[in-house]
Amino acid sequence: MKKNLMFLGLLLFCSNLVTSQELKAYERKAKAFIENVRNGRKDNIAATITYPFEREYPIPSIKNKAEFVKRYDEVFDEILKAEITKSVPQRDWKDMGWRGIELNKGNVWIDKTGALISVNYQSKFETRLKNKLIEAERFHLHASLTKYKAPLYLLETLKYRIRIDDMGNGNYRYASWPIKQKMSEAPEVVILDGVWIHDNNSMNHHFEFRKKGGFVYDCSIIEWGEAGSPPAKVMIYQNNKEVFSENAKIVVK
């Protein structure tokens, strides 16, 4: 009887060992992340992040580890925690190559080392906060710009401050000021009816705005780029010839 129990224990141990070995490298990283969330190891997750950790504009980005731990439950609410802890590495997580490892088509991304890259899910708390900030922001804009569905990006180049707003129905608005001017002043350029274009095989995308005179204003958002790539880039073309190009930062409020 004793030998049978020992044999059964050895069999279970070997079975667990084989199962662990059968997991692919990215699945092991996903499993470790799942366990960190399951056990509430906020500090472990926070230690992996390269800050600032972006949230949807105009929600302020998370600037450091201490702030991440403090705001953890705002990002990881019970719904997201359940989605993560109930996920199975082999079924719900996918290796997307150089872009990282995604959960359920991008709700959560980690990299090949298991570090948290982004959370694209938005909790009810963050949704309420975003709506509150959107309304507050209208009071700091020039009167001609206060009507929009949602703000998307605020970019700054060396020379210009550029705001991109979602106007609804797939239309976007471009507004820009010289960098030293405030957004409460009249914008120098306003272009309506812009379009959003997704770059194939990446999370990068850009907005294209056309203006009379053969001008095309292109604002590229670089989510995934090579080392040293800027977070954004603004280019202006006239009759297919580049007349302006500057790297841009995405302003964090």
C-alpha atoms as a PDB file:
ATOM      1  CA  MET A   1       0.000   0.000   0.000  1.00  0.00           C
ATOM      2  CA  LYS A   2       2.819   2.359   0.979  1.00  0.00           C
ATOM      3  CA  LYS A   3       4.641   1.595  -2.265  1.00  0.00           C
ATOM      4  CA  ASN A   4       1.473   2.293  -4.241  1.00  0.00           C
ATOM      5  CA  LEU A   5       1.077   5.712  -2.584  1.00  0.00           C
ATOM      6  CA  MET A   6       4.711   6.549  -3.265  1.00  0.00           C
ATOM      7  CA  PHE A   7       4.304   5.504  -6.882  1.00  0.00           C
ATOM      8  CA  LEU A   8       1.140   7.609  -7.220  1.00  0.00           C
ATOM      9  CA  GLY A   9       2.899  10.636  -5.729  1.00  0.00           C
ATOM     10  CA  LEU A  10       5.840  10.203  -8.086  1.00  0.00           C
ATOM     11  CA  LEU A  11       3.458   9.863 -11.026  1.00  0.00           C
ATOM     12  CA  LEU A  12       1.664  13.104 -10.132  1.00  0.00           C
ATOM     13  CA  PHE A  13       4.979  14.924  -9.717  1.00  0.00           C
ATOM     14  CA  CYS A  14       6.207  13.736 -13.097  1.00  0.00           C
ATOM     15  CA  SER A  15       2.878  14.641 -14.689  1.00  0.00           C
ATOM     16  CA  ASN A  16       3.100  18.212 -13.373  1.00  0.00           C
ATOM     17  CA  LEU A  17       6.712  18.448 -14.490  1.00  0.00           C
ATOM     18  CA  VAL A  18       5.871  17.300 -18.002  1.00  0.00           C
ATOM     19  CA  THR A  19       2.918  19.714 -18.182  1.00  0.00           C
ATOM     20  CA  SER A  20       5.188  22.586 -17.134  1.00  0.00           C
ATOM     21  CA  GLN A  21       7.798  21.582 -19.682  1.00  0.00           C
ATOM     22  CA  GLU A  22       5.168  21.373 -22.403  1.00  0.00           C
ATOM     23  CA  LEU A  23       4.316  25.067 -22.014  1.00  0.00           C
ATOM     24  CA  LYS A  24       5.977  27.248 -24.598  1.00  0.00           C
ATOM     25  CA  ALA A  25       8.232  30.053 -23.384  1.00  0.00           C
ATOM     26  CA  TYR A  26       5.590  32.749 -23.922  1.00  0.00           C
ATOM     27  CA  GLU A  27       2.952  30.598 -22.211  1.00  0.00           C
ATOM     28  CA  ARG A  28       5.160  30.323 -19.130  1.00  0.00           C
ATOM     29  CA  LYS A  29       5.431  34.123 -19.032  1.00  0.00           C
ATOM     30  CA  ALA A  30       1.658  34.405 -19.361  1.00  0.00           C
ATOM     31  CA  LYS A  31       1.191  31.862 -16.570  1.00  0.00           C
ATOM     32  CA  ALA A  32       3.513  33.830 -14.269  1.00  0.00           C
ATOM     33  CA  PHE A  33       1.575  37.026 -14.998  1.00  0.00           C
ATOM     34  CA  ILE A  34      -1.725  35.265 -14.298  1.00  0.00           C
ATOM     35  CA  GLU A  35      -0.400  34.072 -10.936  1.00  0.00           C
ATOM     36  CA  ASN A  36       0.764  37.576 -10.019  1.00  0.00           C
ATOM     37  CA  VAL A  37      -2.740  38.917 -10.678  1.00  0.00           C
ATOM     38  CA  ARG A  38      -4.410  35.971  -8.933  1.00  0.00           C
ATOM     39  CA  ASN A  39      -2.341  36.545  -5.799  1.00  0.00           C
ATOM     40  CA  GLY A  40      -2.543  40.340  -5.844  1.00  0.00           C
ATOM     41  CA  ARG A  41       1.199  40.820  -6.335  1.00  0.00           C
ATOM     42  CA  LYS A  42       0.950  44.455  -7.384  1.00  0.00           C
ATOM     43  CA  ASP A  43       4.591  45.178  -6.585  1.00  0.00           C
ATOM     44  CA  ASN A  44       5.788  42.312  -8.771  1.00  0.00           C
ATOM     45  CA  ILE A  45       3.801  43.601 -11.734  1.00  0.00           C
ATOM     46  CA  ALA A  46       4.791  47.223 -11.067  1.00  0.00           C
ATOM     47  CA  ALA A  47       8.480  46.297 -11.040  1.00  0.00           C
ATOM     48  CA  THR A  48       8.309  45.030 -14.641  1.00  0.00           C
ATOM     49  CA  ILE A  49       6.868  48.182 -16.216  1.00  0.00           C
ATOM     50  CA  THR A  50       8.757  50.804 -18.185  1.00  0.00           C
ATOM     51  CA  TYR A  51       7.161  54.084 -17.096  1.00  0.00           C
ATOM     52  CA  PRO A  52       5.174  56.134 -17.830  1.00  0.00           C
ATOM     53  CA  PHE A  53       2.399  53.557 -18.151  1.00  0.00           C
ATOM     54  CA  GLU A  54      -0.108  55.036 -20.577  1.00  0.00           C
ATOM     55  CA  ARG A  55      -3.830  55.295 -19.973  1.00  0.00           C
ATOM     56  CA  GLU A  56      -6.398  56.518 -22.481  1.00  0.00           C
ATOM     57  CA  TYR A  57      -6.215  60.279 -22.995  1.00  0.00           C
ATOM     58  CA  PRO A  58      -7.090  62.427 -21.089  1.00  0.00           C
ATOM     59  CA  ILE A  59      -6.581  60.056 -18.129  1.00  0.00           C
ATOM     60  CA  PRO A  60      -3.134  60.835 -16.675  1.00  0.00           C
ATOM     61  CA  SER A  61      -0.424  58.279 -17.299  1.00  0.00           C
ATOM     62  CA  ILE A  62       0.987  56.346 -14.361  1.00  0.00           C
ATOM     63  CA  LYS A  63       4.401  57.837 -13.707  1.00  0.00           C
ATOM     64  CA  ASN A  64       6.155  55.328 -11.445  1.00  0.00           C
ATOM     65  CA  LYS A  65       5.949  52.095  -9.459  1.00  0.00           C
ATOM     66  CA  ALA A  66       4.427  53.676  -6.348  1.00  0.00           C
ATOM     67  CA  GLU A  67       1.672  55.322  -8.376  1.00  0.00           C
ATOM     68  CA  PHE A  68       0.966  52.063 -10.223  1.00  0.00           C
ATOM     69  CA  VAL A  69       0.463  50.218  -6.938  1.00  0.00           C
ATOM     70  CA  LYS A  70      -1.819  53.023  -5.731  1.00  0.00           C
ATOM     71  CA  ARG A  71      -3.899  53.044  -8.930  1.00  0.00           C
ATOM     72  CA  TYR A  72      -3.771  49.286  -9.539  1.00  0.00           C
ATOM     73  CA  ASP A  73      -7.442  48.679  -8.705  1.00  0.00           C
ATOM     74  CA  GLU A  74      -8.506  51.521 -11.009  1.00  0.00           C
ATOM     75  CA  VAL A  75      -6.935  49.656 -13.928  1.00  0.00           C
ATOM     76  CA  PHE A  76      -7.390  46.050 -12.810  1.00  0.00           C
ATOM     77  CA  ASP A  77     -10.993  45.962 -11.637  1.00  0.00           C
ATOM     78  CA  GLU A  78     -12.792  42.736 -10.738  1.00  0.00           C
ATOM     79  CA  ILE A  79     -13.909  42.165 -14.337  1.00  0.00           C
ATOM     80  CA  LEU A  80     -10.388  42.373 -15.743  1.00  0.00           C
ATOM     81  CA  LYS A  81      -8.921  40.352 -12.883  1.00  0.00           C
ATOM     82  CA  ALA A  82     -11.466  37.606 -13.578  1.00  0.00           C
ATOM     83  CA  GLU A  83     -10.655  37.646 -17.290  1.00  0.00           C
ATOM     84  CA  ILE A  84      -6.959  37.246 -16.518  1.00  0.00           C
ATOM     85  CA  THR A  85      -7.206  34.666 -13.737  1.00  0.00           C
ATOM     86  CA  LYS A  86      -9.649  32.501 -15.685  1.00  0.00           C
ATOM     87  CA  SER A  87      -7.506  32.619 -18.810  1.00  0.00           C
ATOM     88  CA  VAL A  88      -5.480  29.634 -19.993  1.00  0.00           C
ATOM     89  CA  PRO A  89      -2.033  30.391 -21.462  1.00  0.00           C
ATOM     90  CA  GLN A  90      -2.353  27.843 -24.271  1.00  0.00           C
ATOM     91  CA  ARG A  91      -5.848  29.005 -25.245  1.00  0.00           C
ATOM     92  CA  ASP A  92      -6.256  32.702 -24.457  1.00  0.00           C
ATOM     93  CA  TRP A  93      -2.750  34.143 -24.840  1.00  0.00           C
ATOM     94  CA  LYS A  94      -1.085  34.573 -28.203  1.00  0.00           C
ATOM     95  CA  ASP A  95       2.519  35.221 -29.195  1.00  0.00           C
ATOM     96  CA  MET A  96       2.463  38.183 -31.595  1.00  0.00           C
ATOM     97  CA  GLY A  97       6.173  38.127 -32.392  1.00  0.00           C
ATOM     98  CA  TRP A  98       8.159  41.303 -31.773  1.00  0.00           C
ATOM     99  CA  ARG A  99       4.990  43.082 -30.612  1.00  0.00           C
ATOM    100  CA  GLY A 100       4.647  40.913 -27.508  1.00  0.00           C
ATOM    101  CA  ILE A 101       2.089  38.529 -26.022  1.00  0.00           C
ATOM    102  CA  GLU A 102      -1.598  39.435 -25.998  1.00  0.00           C
ATOM    103  CA  LEU A 103      -4.594  38.301 -23.984  1.00  0.00           C
ATOM    104  CA  ASN A 104      -7.907  37.999 -25.820  1.00  0.00           C
ATOM    105  CA  LYS A 105      -7.102  40.148 -28.848  1.00  0.00           C
ATOM    106  CA  GLY A 106      -5.254  42.840 -26.968  1.00  0.00           C
ATOM    107  CA  ASN A 107      -7.000  43.559 -23.666  1.00  0.00           C
ATOM    108  CA  VAL A 108      -3.641  42.997 -21.973  1.00  0.00           C
ATOM    109  CA  TRP A 109      -0.138  42.912 -23.473  1.00  0.00           C
ATOM    110  CA  ILE A 110       3.067  41.609 -21.911  1.00  0.00           C
ATOM    111  CA  ASP A 111       6.477  41.306 -23.528  1.00  0.00           C
ATOM    112  CA  LYS A 112       8.713  38.262 -23.972  1.00  0.00           C
ATOM    113  CA  THR A 113      10.191  38.785 -20.498  1.00  0.00           C
ATOM    114  CA  GLY A 114       6.729  38.860 -18.904  1.00  0.00           C
ATOM    115  CA  ALA A 115       6.759  42.629 -18.325  1.00  0.00           C
ATOM    116  CA  LEU A 116       3.413  44.408 -18.574  1.00  0.00           C
ATOM    117  CA  ILE A 117       3.321  46.612 -21.687  1.00  0.00           C
ATOM    118  CA  SER A 118      -0.244  47.872 -21.818  1.00  0.00           C
ATOM    119  CA  VAL A 119      -3.829  47.411 -20.657  1.00  0.00           C
ATOM    120  CA  ASN A 120      -6.344  48.383 -23.332  1.00  0.00           C
ATOM    121  CA  TYR A 121      -9.329  47.427 -21.201  1.00  0.00           C
ATOM    122  CA  GLN A 122     -11.016  50.332 -19.409  1.00  0.00           C
ATOM    123  CA  SER A 123     -12.686  49.904 -16.031  1.00  0.00           C
ATOM    124  CA  LYS A 124     -15.892  51.673 -15.041  1.00  0.00           C
ATOM    125  CA  PHE A 125     -13.830  53.913 -12.761  1.00  0.00           C
ATOM    126  CA  GLU A 126     -11.566  54.983 -15.616  1.00  0.00           C
ATOM    127  CA  THR A 127     -14.525  55.493 -17.942  1.00  0.00           C
ATOM    128  CA  ARG A 128     -16.148  57.869 -15.441  1.00  0.00           C
ATOM    129  CA  LEU A 129     -12.839  59.658 -14.885  1.00  0.00           C
ATOM    130  CA  LYS A 130     -12.260  60.027 -18.624  1.00  0.00           C
ATOM    131  CA  ASN A 131     -15.718  61.529 -19.167  1.00  0.00           C
ATOM    132  CA  LYS A 132     -15.217  63.930 -16.262  1.00  0.00           C
ATOM    133  CA  LEU A 133     -11.846  65.078 -17.622  1.00  0.00           C
ATOM    134  CA  ILE A 134     -13.253  65.498 -21.137  1.00  0.00           C
ATOM    135  CA  GLU A 135     -15.929  67.859 -19.862  1.00  0.00           C
ATOM    136  CA  ALA A 136     -13.444  69.808 -17.746  1.00  0.00           C
ATOM    137  CA  GLU A 137     -11.098  70.149 -20.708  1.00  0.00           C
ATOM    138  CA  ARG A 138     -13.684  71.971 -22.819  1.00  0.00           C
ATOM    139  CA  PHE A 139     -13.358  75.025 -20.561  1.00  0.00           C
ATOM    140  CA  HIS A 140      -9.672  75.374 -21.472  1.00  0.00           C
ATOM    141  CA  LEU A 141     -10.182  75.280 -25.237  1.00  0.00           C
ATOM    142  CA  HIS A 142     -10.915  78.047 -27.698  1.00  0.00           C
ATOM    143  CA  ALA A 143     -14.675  78.398 -28.173  1.00  0.00           C
ATOM    144  CA  SER A 144     -14.457  77.177 -31.776  1.00  0.00           C
ATOM    145  CA  LEU A 145     -13.183  73.761 -30.635  1.00  0.00           C
ATOM    146  CA  THR A 146     -15.486  72.825 -27.768  1.00  0.00           C
ATOM    147  CA  LYS A 147     -17.747  70.533 -29.801  1.00  0.00           C
ATOM    148  CA  TYR A 148     -16.353  67.012 -30.240  1.00  0.00           C
ATOM    149  CA  LYS A 149     -17.156  63.448 -29.293  1.00  0.00           C
ATOM    150  CA  ALA A 150     -13.854  62.671 -27.575  1.00  0.00           C
ATOM    151  CA  PRO A 151     -10.283  63.974 -27.467  1.00  0.00           C
ATOM    152  CA  LEU A 152      -7.766  61.486 -28.843  1.00  0.00           C
ATOM    153  CA  TYR A 153      -4.256  62.920 -28.866  1.00  0.00           C
ATOM    154  CA  LEU A 154      -2.336  65.999 -27.895  1.00  0.00           C
ATOM    155  CA  LEU A 155       1.010  66.084 -29.694  1.00  0.00           C
ATOM    156  CA  GLU A 156       3.926  68.470 -29.372  1.00  0.00           C
ATOM    157  CA  THR A 157       6.728  68.961 -31.871  1.00  0.00           C
ATOM    158  CA  LEU A 158       9.505  71.520 -31.513  1.00  0.00           C
ATOM    159  CA  LYS A 159       7.344  74.105 -33.280  1.00  0.00           C
ATOM    160  CA  TYR A 160       3.708  73.098 -32.853  1.00  0.00           C
ATOM    161  CA  ARG A 161       1.076  71.804 -30.455  1.00  0.00           C
ATOM    162  CA  ILE A 162      -1.424  69.572 -32.249  1.00  0.00           C
ATOM    163  CA  ARG A 163      -4.760  68.297 -31.021  1.00  0.00           C
ATOM    164  CA  ILE A 164      -6.697  65.463 -32.670  1.00  0.00           C
ATOM    165  CA  ASP A 165     -10.367  65.023 -31.773  1.00  0.00           C
ATOM    166  CA  ASP A 166     -12.899  62.343 -32.646  1.00  0.00           C
ATOM    167  CA  MET A 167     -15.897  64.156 -34.127  1.00  0.00           C
ATOM    168  CA  GLY A 168     -18.004  61.001 -34.485  1.00  0.00           C
ATOM    169  CA  ASN A 169     -19.054  58.944 -37.503  1.00  0.00           C
ATOM    170  CA  GLY A 170     -15.462  58.163 -38.427  1.00  0.00           C
ATOM    171  CA  ASN A 171     -14.457  61.820 -38.783  1.00  0.00           C
ATOM    172  CA  TYR A 172     -11.504  63.459 -37.041  1.00  0.00           C
ATOM    173  CA  ARG A 173     -10.399  67.047 -36.498  1.00  0.00           C
ATOM    174  CA  TYR A 174      -6.894  68.492 -36.586  1.00  0.00           C
ATOM    175  CA  ALA A 175      -6.120  71.730 -34.753  1.00  0.00           C
ATOM    176  CA  SER A 176      -2.684  73.235 -34.225  1.00  0.00           C
ATOM    177  CA  TRP A 177      -1.031  76.169 -32.496  1.00  0.00           C
ATOM    178  CA  PRO A 178       2.520  77.511 -32.379  1.00  0.00           C
ATOM    179  CA  ILE A 179       4.117  75.742 -29.424  1.00  0.00           C
ATOM    180  CA  LYS A 180       4.152  78.857 -27.209  1.00  0.00           C
ATOM    181  CA  GLN A 181       0.444  79.576 -27.636  1.00  0.00           C
ATOM    182  CA  LYS A 182      -2.266  78.248 -25.337  1.00  0.00           C
ATOM    183  CA  MET A 183      -5.127  76.091 -26.576  1.00  0.00           C
ATOM    184  CA  SER A 184      -7.534  78.722 -25.258  1.00  0.00           C
ATOM    185  CA  GLU A 185      -6.330  80.938 -28.119  1.00  0.00           C
ATOM    186  CA  ALA A 186      -7.578  80.614 -31.694  1.00  0.00           C
ATOM    187  CA  PRO A 187      -5.806  77.739 -33.474  1.00  0.00           C
ATOM    188  CA  GLU A 188      -3.585  78.540 -36.438  1.00  0.00           C
ATOM    189  CA  VAL A 189      -4.851  75.579 -38.482  1.00  0.00           C
ATOM    190  CA  VAL A 190      -8.098  73.592 -38.258  1.00  0.00           C
ATOM    191  CA  ILE A 191      -8.889  70.733 -40.643  1.00  0.00           C
ATOM    192  CA  LEU A 192     -12.066  68.661 -40.512  1.00  0.00           C
ATOM    193  CA  ASP A 193     -13.033  65.297 -42.025  1.00  0.00           C
ATOM    194  CA  GLY A 194      -9.771  63.536 -41.261  1.00  0.00           C
ATOM    195  CA  VAL A 195      -9.510  59.760 -41.504  1.00  0.00           C
ATOM    196  CA  TRP A 196      -7.926  57.143 -39.257  1.00  0.00           C
ATOM    197  CA  ILE A 197      -5.704  54.575 -40.982  1.00  0.00           C
ATOM    198  CA  HIS A 198      -4.382  51.402 -39.358  1.00  0.00           C
ATOM    199  CA  ASP A 199      -0.920  50.300 -40.423  1.00  0.00           C
ATOM    200  CA  ASN A 200      -0.903  46.660 -41.503  1.00  0.00           C
ATOM    201  CA  ASN A 201       0.593  44.044 -39.176  1.00  0.00           C
ATOM    202  CA  SER A 202       1.215  46.419 -36.285  1.00  0.00           C
ATOM    203  CA  MET A 203      -0.502  48.522 -33.641  1.00  0.00           C
ATOM    204  CA  ASN A 204       0.756  51.687 -35.344  1.00  0.00           C
ATOM    205  CA  HIS A 205      -1.753  53.988 -36.972  1.00  0.00           C
ATOM    206  CA  HIS A 206      -2.009  57.456 -38.418  1.00  0.00           C
ATOM    207  CA  PHE A 207      -4.485  60.221 -39.117  1.00  0.00           C
ATOM    208  CA  GLU A 208      -4.669  61.890 -42.504  1.00  0.00           C
ATOM    209  CA  PHE A 209      -6.119  65.359 -43.019  1.00  0.00           C
ATOM    210  CA  ARG A 210      -6.511  66.994 -46.436  1.00  0.00           C
ATOM    211  CA  LYS A 211      -6.487  70.739 -46.974  1.00  0.00           C
ATOM    212  CA  LYS A 212      -7.014  72.935 -50.019  1.00  0.00           C
ATOM    213  CA  GLY A 213      -3.913  73.563 -52.070  1.00  0.00           C
ATOM    214  CA  GLY A 214      -2.914  69.910 -52.288  1.00  0.00           C
ATOM    215  CA  PHE A 215      -1.875  69.710 -48.628  1.00  0.00           C
ATOM    216  CA  VAL A 216      -1.968  66.480 -46.633  1.00  0.00           C
ATOM    217  CA  TYR A 217      -1.274  66.558 -42.889  1.00  0.00           C
ATOM    218  CA  ASP A 218      -0.201  63.158 -41.551  1.00  0.00           C
ATOM    219  CA  CYS A 219      -0.007  62.416 -37.823  1.00  0.00           C
ATOM    220  CA  SER A 220       1.530  59.010 -37.117  1.00  0.00           C
ATOM    221  CA  ILE A 221       1.147  57.306 -33.740  1.00  0.00           C
ATOM    222  CA  ILE A 222       3.987  54.832 -33.250  1.00  0.00           C
ATOM    223  CA  GLU A 223       2.856  52.230 -30.725  1.00  0.00           C
ATOM    224  CA  TRP A 224       5.437  49.693 -31.841  1.00  0.00           C
ATOM    225  CA  GLY A 225       8.694  50.925 -33.270  1.00  0.00           C
ATOM    226  CA  GLU A 226      12.382  50.209 -33.302  1.00  0.00           C
ATOM    227  CA  ALA A 227      14.590  51.288 -30.417  1.00  0.00           C
ATOM    228  CA  GLY A 228      14.801  55.059 -30.390  1.00  0.00           C
ATOM    229  CA  SER A 229      11.630  55.572 -32.409  1.00  0.00           C
ATOM    230  CA  PRO A 230       9.596  58.641 -31.409  1.00  0.00           C
ATOM    231  CA  PRO A 231       6.106  58.071 -29.983  1.00  0.00           C
ATOM    232  CA  ALA A 232       4.630  60.129 -32.817  1.00  0.00           C
ATOM    233  CA  LYS A 233       5.554  61.992 -35.982  1.00  0.00           C
ATOM    234  CA  VAL A 234       3.922  64.852 -37.877  1.00  0.00           C
ATOM    235  CA  MET A 235       4.450  65.276 -41.615  1.00  0.00           C
ATOM    236  CA  ILE A 236       2.968  67.718 -44.106  1.00  0.00           C
ATOM    237  CA  TYR A 237       2.914  67.132 -47.847  1.00  0.00           C
ATOM    238  CA  GLN A 238       2.010  69.451 -50.698  1.00  0.00           C
ATOM    239  CA  ASN A 239       1.277  67.816 -54.029  1.00  0.00           C
ATOM    240  CA  ASN A 240       2.928  64.607 -52.750  1.00  0.00           C
ATOM    241  CA  LYS A 241       6.124  66.439 -51.748  1.00  0.00           C
ATOM    242  CA  GLU A 242       7.154  66.517 -48.085  1.00  0.00           C
ATOM    243  CA  VAL A 243       7.343  70.113 -46.848  1.00  0.00           C
ATOM    244  CA  PHE A 244       7.437  69.521 -43.078  1.00  0.00           C
ATOM    245  CA  SER A 245       8.472  66.669 -40.808  1.00  0.00           C
ATOM    246  CA  GLU A 246       9.059  66.631 -37.052  1.00  0.00           C
ATOM    247  CA  ASN A 247       9.036  63.987 -34.364  1.00  0.00           C
ATOM    248  CA  ALA A 248       6.407  64.543 -31.706  1.00  0.00           C
ATOM    249  CA  LYS A 249       5.803  63.562 -28.133  1.00  0.00           C
ATOM    250  CA  ILE A 250       2.403  62.517 -26.884  1.00  0.00           C
ATOM    251  CA  VAL A 251       1.610  64.937 -24.091  1.00  0.00           C
ATOM    252  CA  VAL A 252       0.748  63.342 -20.757  1.00  0.00           C
ATOM    253  CA  LYS A 253      -1.460  65.437 -18.489  1.00  0.00           C
END
